[in-house]
């Protein structure tokens, strides 16, 4: 007897991929094999009411699931057909077997947070609005005024003797230190940074403000205590902070911005120290430099032992395995010659004599591209050393409103390696500011503190160069400057209003 034998076999797929190829199954009654059937799969979504004999094809039948929704619960129906002619109503035809479409391929777009795989476009950058040297905006704060260049916004991050407010509304358990001085931004492993800041008071010490990757304050704590008159310092290639004491028996201390490693004294000896920096030569070997704020304060160079560098700086291990102790090495002093050349001498007295004549009371120091820059506040000059050619030159910093003493300095170099600005803090005036110097030697003002009667200190930049930090030492503010157009400080800017214009 010819008849159409249709069986609907329901199988739970549980999210697992199922081949769309035809399969052969045996059907039978009470264990007796009747015939082999050709089986063609089609998909049934659990949220749909399926009629295998419906003449109407639904959307879910036209588009079989892909790997994008394999995690959904669905049911697979097998349509089993015999080889005999159909004995059914001709109006009710079987459903056409579905085939899984080819897997859709996506192009990867890093758009927004999380890098969603979807077609999107980044918004165009805002128009350039930063005009250095044109002081158009005034922010009253405390007992003075902050005048900033056009296109900058101002945020007060911390204030001395007050708890630091975190982004979640909590406050620090200790108050921010008094008389903030030298500072730097040290990158952290999660994309944030730590603004380390010295305290130039009798009890000294170092405090650290921690920022997350979005520039929000998340913590503040002390990382060095038991010292005195910590003036400035500098960062090392491996991410520690060197804090320098400014008194006759002062030392330079290596500290951990995270506060995990204990502080250690360095091999720079004793003196009334100011600032610290390093340079890496063509062979990848670092040397370290420190200034001394006294009339005969010679610039000192420390060359660590080769064994020390091999055991830490060139080590490919973890973060703290790459730290150098800097507690030993060769100490030398800068000596200028009248022919425009210089040398490094082990004779300390020769170095002090040269300092009295050429660079008394040296202050801020920084290096870039094989050149070393440091200031002399007594002579109001910027000294430049070519460490490769062993030549030196001196440039006056007195220009326009920048007529007081140059203090701490900080370089910021553009991604192209050519555009570079040297930023300088100022001392010796009641309206101290932050000034910039171009590679051509022209000066411009970025911000001025009116009426505070205190020096500016702690110039530093976030790792992405979009935030500039500095301090007004008294009453003790930490200020954050940002460009309103959202660009970094090494990006293009509008015409500069120079001091000598």
Foldseek 3Di string as FASTA:
>chain_A
DFEKDKDKDKDKPQLPDDAQDKDKDFDDDPPDTDDIWIKGKFWFAPVDDDDQQDPDDDPCRQADDDNVPSNHITIIIITTTDPGDYDDDVVGDGDDGDHHDPDDDFDFAQDPPPRDGDDDDDDDFFDFFFAFQAFDDWDDDDQWIKTFTTQKDKDFQFFAPAWGAFPVGDTAPGHDHAQWFAWEWFADPQQWTKIKTWHQAQFIFIKIFTAGNVGTTDYIDTQDTDFHRFHYEQADPLGWTWTWAADQFIFIWTTHNVNPDHIATAQQGGARWAYKEWDADPVRAIKIWTFHFALLTFIKIWRADPVQCVQACPDPDDSVSNDGRNRDGDMWTWADDPVQFIDTHPDSVNRSVRSNVPAHRKAAWYDDDQKIWTHRQVQQWIKIARNVVRGIDIGHPPFAPQHHGWHHWDKDADPVRQWIKIWTWGADDQWTFIWIATPVGFIHTGMIIGRQHATKHHWYAIPQQQWTWIFRNVVTTIMIMGRNSSHHPSDDHPHYDTNRD
